[in-house]
Protein backbone atom coordinates (compact mmCIF):
# COMPACT_ATOMS: atom_id res chain seq x y z
CA UNK A 1 10.23 27.36 39.37
CA UNK A 2 6.45 26.97 38.77
CA UNK A 3 4.37 25.70 41.91
CA UNK A 4 2.26 22.97 41.70
CA UNK A 5 -1.23 23.58 39.99
CA UNK A 6 -3.98 21.32 39.75
CA UNK A 7 -6.72 20.68 37.05
CA UNK A 8 -10.29 18.78 37.16
CA UNK A 9 -10.45 16.29 34.09
CA UNK A 10 -13.88 15.04 32.99
CA UNK A 11 -14.76 11.88 30.83
CA UNK A 12 -17.90 10.70 29.20
CA UNK A 13 -17.77 7.11 27.65
CA UNK A 14 -15.57 5.64 30.13
CA UNK A 15 -18.41 5.96 33.02
CA UNK A 16 -20.62 3.70 30.55
CA UNK A 17 -18.01 0.69 30.69
CA UNK A 18 -19.56 -1.49 33.53
CA UNK A 19 -16.94 -3.96 34.69
CA UNK A 20 -14.48 -2.66 32.38
CA UNK A 21 -14.24 0.73 33.53
CA UNK A 22 -11.53 0.39 35.76
CA UNK A 23 -9.35 -0.66 32.79
CA UNK A 24 -10.27 2.30 30.67
CA UNK A 25 -9.84 4.52 33.85
CA UNK A 26 -6.23 3.04 34.33
CA UNK A 27 -4.98 3.69 30.82
CA UNK A 28 -6.56 7.25 31.10
CA UNK A 29 -4.43 7.96 34.10
CA UNK A 30 -1.66 6.57 32.30
CA UNK A 31 -1.98 8.75 29.04
CA UNK A 32 -2.42 11.77 31.28
CA UNK A 33 0.77 11.00 33.23
CA UNK A 34 2.74 10.65 29.58
CA UNK A 35 1.20 13.79 28.28
CA UNK A 36 2.43 15.64 31.16
CA UNK A 37 5.93 13.83 31.38
CA UNK A 38 7.64 17.16 30.83
CA UNK A 39 6.28 18.97 33.92
CA UNK A 40 8.17 17.05 36.80
CA UNK A 41 6.37 15.02 39.02
CA UNK A 42 2.57 14.25 38.04
CA UNK A 43 -0.12 13.05 40.10
CA UNK A 44 -3.54 11.79 38.67
CA UNK A 45 -6.30 10.58 41.41
CA UNK A 46 -9.59 9.33 40.85
CA UNK A 47 -12.58 11.35 42.63
CA UNK A 48 -15.58 9.89 41.90
CA UNK A 49 -16.27 10.25 37.92
CA UNK A 50 -13.49 12.67 37.71
CA UNK A 51 -9.89 13.03 37.63
CA UNK A 52 -7.90 15.29 39.72
CA UNK A 53 -4.48 15.78 38.04
CA UNK A 54 -1.60 18.09 39.75
CA UNK A 55 1.92 18.77 37.97
CA UNK A 56 4.65 21.01 38.53
CA UNK A 57 3.25 24.08 36.12
CA UNK A 58 0.56 26.42 35.60
CA UNK A 59 -3.17 25.16 35.66
CA UNK A 60 -3.34 26.70 32.09
CA UNK A 61 -0.30 24.59 30.74
CA UNK A 62 -1.46 21.47 32.54
CA UNK A 63 -5.04 22.00 31.06
CA UNK A 64 -3.86 22.56 27.52
CA UNK A 65 -1.93 19.21 27.43
CA UNK A 66 -4.63 17.36 29.12
CA UNK A 67 -7.12 18.65 26.47
CA UNK A 68 -5.35 16.70 23.69
CA UNK A 69 -5.53 13.42 25.42
CA UNK A 70 -8.64 10.93 24.08
CA UNK A 71 -10.89 10.19 26.57
CA UNK A 72 -10.97 13.47 28.01
CA UNK A 73 -14.39 15.65 27.57
CA UNK A 74 -13.14 18.69 29.12
CA UNK A 75 -10.51 20.04 31.63
CA UNK A 76 -10.79 23.05 34.25
CA UNK A 77 -7.68 24.62 36.05
CA UNK A 78 -9.41 24.47 39.77
CA UNK A 79 -8.35 25.90 43.21
CA UNK A 80 -9.02 23.48 46.23
CA UNK A 81 -10.63 24.61 49.56
CA UNK A 82 -11.17 23.11 52.78
CA UNK A 83 -15.13 21.62 52.94
CA UNK A 84 -16.32 24.75 54.91
CA UNK A 85 -18.70 26.96 53.41
CA UNK A 86 -16.30 29.96 54.43
CA UNK A 87 -13.38 28.88 53.09
CA UNK A 88 -15.06 27.94 49.81
CA UNK A 89 -16.66 31.39 49.52
CA UNK A 90 -13.21 33.01 50.07
CA UNK A 91 -11.62 30.99 47.34
CA UNK A 92 -14.38 31.67 45.12
CA UNK A 93 -14.14 35.39 45.63
CA UNK A 94 -10.37 35.35 44.86
CA UNK A 95 -11.03 33.23 41.85
CA UNK A 96 -13.87 35.46 40.42
CA UNK A 97 -11.41 38.59 40.89
CA UNK A 98 -8.66 36.72 38.86
CA UNK A 99 -10.83 35.74 36.07
CA UNK A 100 -12.60 39.47 35.77
CA UNK A 101 -9.09 40.83 35.99
CA UNK A 102 -7.42 38.77 33.23
CA UNK A 103 -10.30 37.99 30.98
CA UNK A 104 -13.33 41.13 31.40
CA UNK A 105 -11.25 44.04 32.12
CA UNK A 106 -12.57 47.18 31.03
CA UNK A 107 -15.71 45.59 30.23
CA UNK A 108 -18.98 47.41 31.56
CA UNK A 109 -21.09 44.65 31.64
CA UNK A 110 -20.37 40.78 32.33
CA UNK A 111 -23.21 38.18 32.03
CA UNK A 112 -22.34 35.99 35.41
CA UNK A 113 -23.97 32.90 37.13
CA UNK A 114 -22.44 30.63 39.80
CA UNK A 115 -22.99 26.85 39.56
CA UNK A 116 -22.50 23.93 42.13
CA UNK A 117 -22.19 20.45 42.23
CA UNK A 118 -23.04 19.06 45.56
CA UNK A 119 -21.90 15.24 45.29
CA UNK A 120 -21.23 15.32 48.86
CA UNK A 121 -24.89 15.53 50.32
CA UNK A 122 -23.39 16.09 53.96
CA UNK A 123 -22.57 19.66 52.94
CA UNK A 124 -24.86 22.03 54.89
CA UNK A 125 -26.18 24.17 51.73
CA UNK A 126 -27.83 23.04 48.94
CA UNK A 127 -26.79 23.25 45.58
CA UNK A 128 -29.17 26.49 44.85
CA UNK A 129 -28.85 27.88 48.25
CA UNK A 130 -25.19 27.83 47.83
CA UNK A 131 -25.23 29.41 44.30
CA UNK A 132 -26.97 32.24 45.88
CA UNK A 133 -24.69 32.63 48.81
CA UNK A 134 -21.70 33.13 46.54
CA UNK A 135 -23.42 35.32 44.12
CA UNK A 136 -24.12 37.41 46.98
CA UNK A 137 -20.64 37.51 48.12
CA UNK A 138 -18.92 38.02 44.36
CA UNK A 139 -21.48 40.67 43.12
CA UNK A 140 -21.12 43.62 45.20
CA UNK A 141 -17.15 43.67 44.59
CA UNK A 142 -17.59 43.73 40.83
CA UNK A 143 -20.30 46.03 39.75
CA UNK A 144 -20.13 44.92 36.07
CA UNK A 145 -21.74 41.60 36.86
CA UNK A 146 -24.96 40.67 35.80
CA UNK A 147 -26.77 37.57 36.34
CA UNK A 148 -27.78 35.49 33.40
CA UNK A 149 -28.58 31.98 33.98
CA UNK A 150 -29.16 31.17 30.25
CA UNK A 151 -25.98 32.54 28.27
CA UNK A 152 -23.36 33.66 30.99
CA UNK A 153 -19.96 34.84 29.87
CA UNK A 154 -18.47 33.84 33.17
CA UNK A 155 -19.55 30.80 35.25
CA UNK A 156 -18.08 30.46 38.50
CA UNK A 157 -18.19 27.02 39.39
CA UNK A 158 -17.63 25.16 42.71
CA UNK A 159 -17.65 21.03 43.11
CA UNK A 160 -18.24 19.90 46.46
CA UNK A 161 -17.05 15.88 47.26
CA UNK A 162 -15.92 13.99 50.42
CA UNK A 163 -12.26 14.66 49.30
CA UNK A 164 -12.76 18.51 49.44
CA UNK A 165 -14.13 21.19 47.29
CA UNK A 166 -12.76 22.61 43.88
CA UNK A 167 -13.37 26.00 42.46
CA UNK A 168 -13.00 26.94 38.66
CA UNK A 169 -14.30 29.46 36.43
CA UNK A 170 -13.54 27.75 32.83
CA UNK A 171 -13.78 24.70 31.17
CA UNK A 172 -11.52 23.43 27.94
CA UNK A 173 -12.90 21.14 25.95
CA UNK A 174 -11.35 17.95 25.11
CA UNK A 175 -11.54 15.52 22.09
CA UNK A 176 -13.61 12.92 24.07
CA UNK A 177 -13.53 9.31 22.57
CA UNK A 178 -11.54 6.36 24.21
CA UNK A 179 -8.14 6.60 25.88
CA UNK A 180 -5.30 5.42 23.11
CA UNK A 181 -4.41 2.14 23.70
CA UNK A 182 -7.83 0.60 25.13
CA UNK A 183 -8.73 -1.12 21.39
CA UNK A 184 -5.14 -2.41 20.43
CA UNK A 185 -2.84 -1.56 17.69
CA UNK A 186 -3.80 -0.25 14.09
CA UNK A 187 -1.44 0.51 11.30
CA UNK A 188 -2.70 3.39 9.06
CA UNK A 189 -1.05 3.80 5.39
CA UNK A 190 -0.04 7.37 5.70
CA UNK A 191 0.44 9.31 2.86
CA UNK A 192 1.24 12.93 2.30
CA UNK A 193 -2.34 13.77 1.53
CA UNK A 194 -5.08 15.35 3.29
CA UNK A 195 -7.02 12.19 4.11
CA UNK A 196 -5.03 9.78 5.67
CA UNK A 197 -3.91 11.67 8.82
CA UNK A 198 -7.76 12.61 9.52
CA UNK A 199 -8.38 8.77 9.56
CA UNK A 200 -5.32 7.99 11.74
CA UNK A 201 -6.56 10.84 14.30
CA UNK A 202 -10.20 9.27 14.21
CA UNK A 203 -8.74 5.80 14.89
CA UNK A 204 -6.81 7.37 17.87
CA UNK A 205 -9.98 8.85 19.27
CA UNK A 206 -11.56 5.44 19.23
CA UNK A 207 -9.00 4.09 21.54
CA UNK A 208 -6.51 2.53 18.87
CA UNK A 209 -2.71 2.95 19.50
CA UNK A 210 -1.83 3.96 15.55
CA UNK A 211 1.22 3.33 14.02
CA UNK A 212 2.22 4.35 10.31
CA UNK A 213 3.30 3.05 7.33
CA UNK A 214 4.50 5.04 4.56
CA UNK A 215 5.92 4.14 1.13
CA UNK A 216 8.75 6.44 -0.42
CA UNK A 217 9.79 5.97 -3.83
CA UNK A 218 13.27 7.30 -4.19
CA UNK A 219 14.35 8.10 -6.68
CA UNK A 220 11.23 8.83 -8.25
CA UNK A 221 10.17 11.03 -5.78
CA UNK A 222 12.77 13.29 -3.66
CA UNK A 223 13.71 13.68 -0.03
CA UNK A 224 10.92 16.17 0.70
CA UNK A 225 8.23 13.41 0.33
CA UNK A 226 10.10 11.68 3.02
CA UNK A 227 10.46 14.72 5.21
CA UNK A 228 6.57 15.50 4.51
CA UNK A 229 5.71 12.15 5.94
CA UNK A 230 7.61 12.65 9.13
CA UNK A 231 6.38 16.08 9.65
CA UNK A 232 2.81 14.72 9.74
CA UNK A 233 3.74 11.81 11.74
CA UNK A 234 5.17 14.25 14.32
CA UNK A 235 2.14 16.34 14.25
CA UNK A 236 -0.01 13.35 15.00
CA UNK A 237 2.06 12.03 17.58
CA UNK A 238 1.10 14.49 20.05
CA UNK A 239 -2.01 12.66 20.38
CA UNK A 240 -0.87 9.52 21.70
CA UNK A 241 1.86 8.70 24.03
CA UNK A 242 4.41 6.75 21.72
CA UNK A 243 4.47 6.94 17.85
CA UNK A 244 6.19 4.73 15.30
CA UNK A 245 6.51 5.23 11.47
CA UNK A 246 7.56 2.59 9.27
CA UNK A 247 8.88 3.81 5.84
CA UNK A 248 8.90 1.18 3.20
CA UNK A 249 11.03 1.51 0.12
CA UNK A 250 8.48 1.33 -2.86
CA UNK A 251 10.50 1.93 -5.86
CA UNK A 252 11.62 -1.40 -7.15
CA UNK A 253 7.86 -2.79 -6.77
CA UNK A 254 6.66 0.01 -8.70
CA UNK A 255 9.11 -0.50 -11.23
CA UNK A 256 8.34 -4.08 -11.56
CA UNK A 257 4.64 -3.19 -12.09
CA UNK A 258 5.25 -0.64 -14.60
CA UNK A 259 7.32 -3.11 -16.41
CA UNK A 260 5.30 -6.38 -16.41
CA UNK A 261 1.35 -5.43 -15.59
CA UNK A 262 -1.11 -3.78 -17.61
CA UNK A 263 -1.15 -0.08 -17.13
CA UNK A 264 -4.79 0.41 -16.30
CA UNK A 265 -4.11 -2.07 -13.00
CA UNK A 266 -0.88 -0.08 -11.74
CA UNK A 267 -2.66 1.71 -9.06
CA UNK A 268 -4.93 -0.96 -7.77
CA UNK A 269 -1.95 -2.99 -8.05
CA UNK A 270 0.37 -0.55 -6.12
CA UNK A 271 -2.26 -0.12 -3.53
CA UNK A 272 -2.51 -4.23 -3.14
CA UNK A 273 1.14 -4.18 -2.54
CA UNK A 274 0.94 -1.56 0.21
CA UNK A 275 -1.76 -3.35 1.90
CA UNK A 276 0.27 -6.70 1.64
CA UNK A 277 3.39 -5.13 3.05
CA UNK A 278 1.60 -3.35 6.06
CA UNK A 279 -0.14 -6.39 7.01
CA UNK A 280 2.96 -8.06 7.05
CA UNK A 281 4.72 -5.18 9.44
CA UNK A 282 1.58 -5.37 11.42
CA UNK A 283 1.81 -9.23 12.14
CA UNK A 284 5.28 -8.62 13.58
CA UNK A 285 4.09 -5.79 16.01
CA UNK A 286 0.59 -7.58 16.89
CA UNK A 287 -1.34 -5.11 15.18
CA UNK A 288 -5.33 -5.90 14.68
CA UNK A 289 -6.24 -3.77 11.63
CA UNK A 290 -5.03 -1.65 8.81
CA UNK A 291 -6.51 2.05 8.61
CA UNK A 292 -6.83 3.98 5.31
CA UNK A 293 -8.20 7.36 4.50
CA UNK A 294 -10.44 6.05 1.69
CA UNK A 295 -13.86 7.64 0.80
CA UNK A 296 -16.13 6.02 -1.66
CA UNK A 297 -15.82 7.36 -5.09
CA UNK A 298 -13.34 10.02 -4.54
CA UNK A 299 -10.52 8.79 -7.12
CA UNK A 300 -10.84 6.04 -9.36
CA UNK A 301 -8.96 3.55 -6.82
CA UNK A 302 -12.08 3.77 -4.38
CA UNK A 303 -14.82 2.77 -6.46
CA UNK A 304 -16.68 -0.24 -4.30
CA UNK A 305 -14.90 -2.70 -6.63
CA UNK A 306 -11.50 -1.34 -6.71
CA UNK A 307 -11.49 -1.02 -2.73
CA UNK A 308 -12.80 -4.59 -2.62
CA UNK A 309 -9.91 -5.53 -5.16
CA UNK A 310 -7.13 -3.94 -2.80
CA UNK A 311 -8.69 -5.25 0.29
CA UNK A 312 -8.32 -8.76 -0.92
CA UNK A 313 -4.61 -8.40 -0.66
CA UNK A 314 -4.76 -7.62 2.83
CA UNK A 315 -4.31 -10.29 5.82
CA UNK A 316 -6.11 -8.01 8.15
CA UNK A 317 -9.47 -6.28 8.79
CA UNK A 318 -9.46 -2.83 6.60
CA UNK A 319 -10.98 0.43 8.40
CA UNK A 320 -11.87 3.32 6.55
CA UNK A 321 -13.09 6.36 9.22
CA UNK A 322 -13.74 8.42 6.10
CA UNK A 323 -15.65 6.00 3.74
CA UNK A 324 -18.79 8.40 3.51
CA UNK A 325 -16.88 11.94 4.12
CA UNK A 326 -16.64 14.35 1.10
CA UNK A 327 -13.45 16.56 0.80
CA UNK A 328 -14.98 19.32 2.04
CA UNK A 329 -15.64 17.25 5.31
CA UNK A 330 -12.23 15.94 5.37
CA UNK A 331 -10.54 19.27 4.80
CA UNK A 332 -12.53 20.70 7.69
CA UNK A 333 -11.29 18.04 10.35
CA UNK A 334 -8.02 18.54 8.84
CA UNK A 335 -8.00 22.16 9.74
CA UNK A 336 -9.11 21.20 13.10
CA UNK A 337 -6.38 19.08 13.91
CA UNK A 338 -3.65 20.77 12.40
CA UNK A 339 -2.39 18.83 9.79
CA UNK A 340 -4.31 20.48 6.60
CA UNK A 341 -1.22 23.05 6.07
CA UNK A 342 1.18 20.34 6.02
CA UNK A 343 -0.64 18.03 3.68
CA UNK A 344 -0.65 20.88 1.17
CA UNK A 345 3.17 21.16 1.16
CA UNK A 346 4.50 20.63 -2.13
CA UNK A 347 5.68 16.66 -2.56
CA UNK A 348 4.92 14.15 -4.64
CA UNK A 349 2.76 11.04 -3.37
CA UNK A 350 4.30 7.80 -4.42
CA UNK A 351 0.95 6.57 -5.88
CA UNK A 352 1.48 9.49 -8.78
CA UNK A 353 4.73 7.46 -10.05
CA UNK A 354 3.85 5.87 -13.32
CA UNK A 355 0.22 6.92 -12.97
CA UNK A 356 -1.71 5.51 -16.03
CA UNK A 357 -3.59 7.70 -18.36
CA UNK A 358 -6.77 5.64 -17.89
CA UNK A 359 -6.79 3.83 -14.58
CA UNK A 360 -9.35 0.65 -14.29
CA UNK A 361 -12.50 2.07 -12.41
CA UNK A 362 -14.49 -1.18 -12.09
CA UNK A 363 -11.87 -3.79 -11.12
CA UNK A 364 -12.22 -7.34 -10.66
CA UNK A 365 -10.22 -9.59 -8.23
CA UNK A 366 -9.53 -12.34 -11.08
CA UNK A 367 -7.93 -9.83 -13.37
CA UNK A 368 -5.54 -8.38 -10.45
CA UNK A 369 -4.42 -11.92 -9.89
CA UNK A 370 -3.77 -12.25 -13.71
CA UNK A 371 -1.63 -9.19 -13.41
CA UNK A 372 0.33 -10.29 -10.44
CA UNK A 373 1.23 -13.80 -12.03
CA UNK A 374 3.75 -11.74 -13.87
CA UNK A 375 5.42 -10.32 -10.76
CA UNK A 376 7.37 -12.26 -8.28
CA UNK A 377 4.95 -10.97 -5.34
CA UNK A 378 6.98 -13.00 -2.60
CA UNK A 379 10.10 -11.49 -3.44
CA UNK A 380 9.16 -8.03 -3.99
CA UNK A 381 7.41 -7.95 -0.87
CA UNK A 382 10.53 -9.57 1.37
CA UNK A 383 12.94 -6.96 -0.32
CA UNK A 384 10.61 -4.08 0.86
CA UNK A 385 10.13 -5.71 4.33
CA UNK A 386 14.00 -6.14 4.55
CA UNK A 387 14.60 -2.52 3.80
CA UNK A 388 11.79 -0.88 5.75
CA UNK A 389 13.25 1.91 8.17
CA UNK A 390 11.52 2.04 11.59
CA UNK A 391 11.35 5.47 12.87
CA UNK A 392 10.45 6.48 16.33
CA UNK A 393 8.62 9.98 16.45
CA UNK A 394 8.61 12.54 18.82
CA UNK A 395 5.85 15.17 19.21
């Protein structure tokens, strides 16, 4: 059984929230507890602009989990020390020795500095004096250390506060942003492509709890399309406490559009239907917005005219986090969050079903309404909603 370890968690934007700061901090604490739920008893304490997290696991494992929680800017496995110069110095010597042995063994020279944050102003040594004191205690034991204040490889830090002192030698970056759940619930139209998973991740980063809506056109696409969507949802589920996927049967609607509507408008009408259905799912679950992976001009359905025609069918605002991205930028983000390889798995997207040779580029709302007049939109929408499958996704 692993001993309890502690990590220092830092956050950025939350400190600027004024009178609402307590709400944001409370949500972040809850999300950290959820992220560490498998690590036994989890304790999260606020210590003046920081959070101290402890759990029954190694500091490295706790830090890695915390670094994937939105709102966190950086995390450090930390060793507590009594609020005393000699006690802190001893812990710092041990921490430096362990870090050098684990990370710099055999290296002839290591650029090194000490850094002290003296939040407790009653502490007897000033920050600069304590930094020199620590360096003087550590460096004689490790001849490979060379002082470099500008570009150190190893920074040994001490945070001195009224609650105690903590020593650490690494900072693991977090994603930043706002804690998931502080900005309400959003519904992302999740396809099997590269764009929509990145859009969902960016919505989470801005504090939205994201549920997914995906459209499945069996038997026109095989079961691998459904499995691909579930796999993408599982990957994204690691970034928020709970994840739900709504899998909507879409073949009947697409067949009706194929049989009754102008071919050029098929893709636009599919997407109008998707937003119409997604809105009704969101209404049931108190959703505030829809999220899509659209980027202006990327494909024929994403001209300004067509996006206007498509959004007109929605009963909720539509947010497009990638609206100005080119494909290269989106791919970079997809690689960074780990969805790129999954999105490239071979499986057809439902929007490719009955795809027209010449899709409309500059659609008009009036023409979309005329095309939909040949459909029983209400019945098709209701049938899709009745047969929608709700899946609770685990990371």
